[in-house]
Amino acid sequence: MKKGIINRFEGDLAVIEFNDTMKDIPKATLPKEADIGDVLIFPGDKIIIDTKKKAKLKQEIEDLMEELFDD
């Protein structure tokens, strides 16, 4: 199953990062609530937001930020 992360939006396109590859996908094909940083799962023709993975990544980033700025 293919997974990607929304890197940014450019006009009507969402730039999705798949490992080290970027791909443009029309925003209209994404779930309405999709936002930058969301982890997307592509099972067949559907696109689903992986809310558990997004929460995990967010926590990892917050932990790294805390380590960097903890003095």
N, C-alpha and C. Protein backbone atom coordinates (compact mmCIF):
# COMPACT_ATOMS: atom_id res chain seq x y z
N MET A 1 0.85 -1.17 0.00
CA MET A 1 0.00 0.00 0.00
C MET A 1 0.90 1.24 0.00
N LYS A 2 0.61 2.16 -0.88
CA LYS A 2 1.41 3.37 -1.04
C LYS A 2 1.02 4.41 0.01
N LYS A 3 2.04 5.08 0.58
CA LYS A 3 1.81 6.15 1.56
C LYS A 3 2.64 7.36 1.17
N GLY A 4 2.13 8.55 1.47
CA GLY A 4 2.85 9.78 1.20
C GLY A 4 2.45 10.85 2.20
N ILE A 5 3.23 11.94 2.22
CA ILE A 5 2.98 13.06 3.13
C ILE A 5 2.76 14.32 2.29
N ILE A 6 1.74 15.09 2.65
CA ILE A 6 1.51 16.36 1.94
C ILE A 6 2.62 17.32 2.33
N ASN A 7 3.44 17.69 1.37
CA ASN A 7 4.56 18.59 1.59
C ASN A 7 4.11 20.05 1.54
N ARG A 8 3.27 20.35 0.53
CA ARG A 8 2.79 21.72 0.36
C ARG A 8 1.67 21.75 -0.68
N PHE A 9 1.02 22.89 -0.79
CA PHE A 9 0.03 23.12 -1.82
C PHE A 9 0.55 24.19 -2.77
N GLU A 10 0.35 23.98 -4.05
CA GLU A 10 0.71 24.96 -5.08
C GLU A 10 -0.50 25.13 -5.99
N GLY A 11 -1.26 26.18 -5.74
CA GLY A 11 -2.47 26.41 -6.52
C GLY A 11 -3.46 25.28 -6.29
N ASP A 12 -3.87 24.63 -7.38
CA ASP A 12 -4.83 23.54 -7.30
C ASP A 12 -4.18 22.18 -7.11
N LEU A 13 -2.88 22.17 -6.84
CA LEU A 13 -2.15 20.91 -6.68
C LEU A 13 -1.64 20.74 -5.26
N ALA A 14 -1.56 19.48 -4.84
CA ALA A 14 -0.91 19.12 -3.59
C ALA A 14 0.39 18.41 -3.98
N VAL A 15 1.49 18.83 -3.37
CA VAL A 15 2.77 18.18 -3.63
C VAL A 15 2.94 17.12 -2.54
N ILE A 16 2.95 15.87 -2.97
CA ILE A 16 3.02 14.73 -2.05
C ILE A 16 4.41 14.12 -2.10
N GLU A 17 5.00 13.87 -0.92
CA GLU A 17 6.31 13.24 -0.84
C GLU A 17 6.14 11.75 -0.61
N PHE A 18 6.65 10.97 -1.54
CA PHE A 18 6.69 9.52 -1.44
C PHE A 18 8.15 9.13 -1.29
N ASN A 19 8.58 8.83 -0.06
CA ASN A 19 10.00 8.57 0.22
C ASN A 19 10.81 9.76 -0.27
N ASP A 20 11.62 9.63 -1.30
CA ASP A 20 12.44 10.75 -1.79
C ASP A 20 11.90 11.34 -3.08
N THR A 21 10.69 10.99 -3.46
CA THR A 21 10.10 11.45 -4.72
C THR A 21 8.90 12.34 -4.43
N MET A 22 8.81 13.43 -5.16
CA MET A 22 7.66 14.33 -5.05
C MET A 22 6.74 14.12 -6.24
N LYS A 23 5.42 14.16 -5.97
CA LYS A 23 4.44 14.00 -7.04
C LYS A 23 3.32 15.00 -6.82
N ASP A 24 2.87 15.65 -7.89
CA ASP A 24 1.75 16.57 -7.82
C ASP A 24 0.44 15.82 -8.02
N ILE A 25 -0.51 16.10 -7.13
CA ILE A 25 -1.83 15.48 -7.20
C ILE A 25 -2.87 16.60 -7.09
N PRO A 26 -3.91 16.57 -7.91
CA PRO A 26 -4.95 17.61 -7.78
C PRO A 26 -5.56 17.63 -6.38
N LYS A 27 -5.65 18.82 -5.79
CA LYS A 27 -6.23 18.96 -4.45
C LYS A 27 -7.65 18.41 -4.40
N ALA A 28 -8.36 18.52 -5.50
CA ALA A 28 -9.76 18.07 -5.54
C ALA A 28 -9.90 16.57 -5.30
N THR A 29 -8.82 15.80 -5.49
CA THR A 29 -8.90 14.35 -5.28
C THR A 29 -8.63 13.97 -3.82
N LEU A 30 -8.15 14.92 -3.02
CA LEU A 30 -7.85 14.64 -1.62
C LEU A 30 -9.10 14.81 -0.76
N PRO A 31 -9.11 14.19 0.43
CA PRO A 31 -10.20 14.46 1.36
C PRO A 31 -10.25 15.96 1.68
N LYS A 32 -11.43 16.50 1.89
CA LYS A 32 -11.60 17.94 2.09
C LYS A 32 -10.78 18.48 3.26
N GLU A 33 -10.59 17.67 4.29
CA GLU A 33 -9.87 18.13 5.49
C GLU A 33 -8.36 17.96 5.39
N ALA A 34 -7.86 17.49 4.26
CA ALA A 34 -6.43 17.26 4.08
C ALA A 34 -5.65 18.56 4.24
N ASP A 35 -4.50 18.45 4.93
CA ASP A 35 -3.68 19.63 5.20
C ASP A 35 -2.20 19.27 5.11
N ILE A 36 -1.37 20.28 5.08
CA ILE A 36 0.08 20.06 5.01
C ILE A 36 0.51 19.22 6.21
N GLY A 37 1.34 18.22 5.94
CA GLY A 37 1.84 17.34 6.99
C GLY A 37 1.01 16.08 7.17
N ASP A 38 -0.17 16.03 6.55
CA ASP A 38 -0.99 14.83 6.67
C ASP A 38 -0.33 13.66 5.96
N VAL A 39 -0.43 12.49 6.60
CA VAL A 39 0.05 11.25 5.99
C VAL A 39 -1.14 10.65 5.25
N LEU A 40 -0.92 10.36 3.97
CA LEU A 40 -1.99 9.82 3.13
C LEU A 40 -1.71 8.36 2.80
N ILE A 41 -2.78 7.57 2.77
CA ILE A 41 -2.71 6.17 2.36
C ILE A 41 -3.48 6.07 1.05
N PHE A 42 -2.93 5.33 0.11
CA PHE A 42 -3.55 5.19 -1.22
C PHE A 42 -3.93 3.73 -1.47
N PRO A 43 -5.04 3.26 -0.87
CA PRO A 43 -5.49 1.89 -1.14
C PRO A 43 -6.36 1.87 -2.40
N GLY A 44 -5.78 1.46 -3.50
CA GLY A 44 -6.54 1.46 -4.76
C GLY A 44 -6.77 2.87 -5.24
N ASP A 45 -8.03 3.19 -5.56
CA ASP A 45 -8.39 4.50 -6.09
C ASP A 45 -8.76 5.51 -5.00
N LYS A 46 -8.75 5.08 -3.74
CA LYS A 46 -9.14 5.97 -2.64
C LYS A 46 -7.91 6.66 -2.06
N ILE A 47 -8.15 7.75 -1.35
CA ILE A 47 -7.10 8.43 -0.59
C ILE A 47 -7.64 8.64 0.82
N ILE A 48 -6.90 8.14 1.81
CA ILE A 48 -7.33 8.21 3.20
C ILE A 48 -6.25 8.91 4.01
N ILE A 49 -6.65 9.74 4.96
CA ILE A 49 -5.70 10.39 5.88
C ILE A 49 -5.42 9.42 7.03
N ASP A 50 -4.14 9.16 7.27
CA ASP A 50 -3.71 8.29 8.36
C ASP A 50 -3.50 9.16 9.60
N THR A 51 -4.54 9.35 10.38
CA THR A 51 -4.48 10.26 11.53
C THR A 51 -3.54 9.75 12.62
N LYS A 52 -3.43 8.44 12.79
CA LYS A 52 -2.52 7.90 13.81
C LYS A 52 -1.07 8.19 13.45
N LYS A 53 -0.71 8.00 12.19
CA LYS A 53 0.67 8.25 11.76
C LYS A 53 0.99 9.74 11.86
N LYS A 54 0.03 10.60 11.51
CA LYS A 54 0.26 12.04 11.60
C LYS A 54 0.52 12.43 13.06
N ALA A 55 -0.25 11.91 13.98
CA ALA A 55 -0.07 12.23 15.40
C ALA A 55 1.30 11.75 15.88
N LYS A 56 1.72 10.59 15.43
CA LYS A 56 3.03 10.05 15.81
C LYS A 56 4.15 10.94 15.28
N LEU A 57 4.07 11.33 14.01
CA LEU A 57 5.09 12.20 13.43
C LEU A 57 5.13 13.55 14.13
N LYS A 58 3.96 14.09 14.46
CA LYS A 58 3.89 15.38 15.15
C LYS A 58 4.58 15.29 16.50
N GLN A 59 4.34 14.20 17.23
CA GLN A 59 4.97 14.02 18.54
C GLN A 59 6.49 13.89 18.40
N GLU A 60 6.95 13.16 17.39
CA GLU A 60 8.38 13.01 17.15
C GLU A 60 9.03 14.37 16.88
N ILE A 61 8.37 15.20 16.08
CA ILE A 61 8.91 16.53 15.78
C ILE A 61 8.93 17.40 17.03
N GLU A 62 7.88 17.35 17.82
CA GLU A 62 7.84 18.13 19.06
C GLU A 62 8.95 17.69 20.01
N ASP A 63 9.19 16.38 20.10
CA ASP A 63 10.26 15.86 20.96
C ASP A 63 11.63 16.35 20.48
N LEU A 64 11.85 16.33 19.17
CA LEU A 64 13.12 16.82 18.63
C LEU A 64 13.30 18.31 18.89
N MET A 65 12.23 19.07 18.73
CA MET A 65 12.29 20.52 18.98
C MET A 65 12.62 20.78 20.45
N GLU A 66 12.03 20.01 21.34
CA GLU A 66 12.29 20.17 22.75
C GLU A 66 13.75 19.87 23.08
N GLU A 67 14.31 18.83 22.46
CA GLU A 67 15.71 18.49 22.66
C GLU A 67 16.62 19.60 22.15
N LEU A 68 16.28 20.18 21.00
CA LEU A 68 17.10 21.22 20.40
C LEU A 68 17.13 22.49 21.24
N PHE A 69 16.00 22.86 21.77
CA PHE A 69 15.88 24.14 22.46
C PHE A 69 15.87 24.02 23.98
N ASP A 70 16.13 22.83 24.49
CA ASP A 70 16.15 22.62 25.94
C ASP A 70 17.52 23.00 26.48
N ASP A 71 17.58 24.11 27.19
CA ASP A 71 18.84 24.58 27.78
C ASP A 71 18.70 24.79 29.25
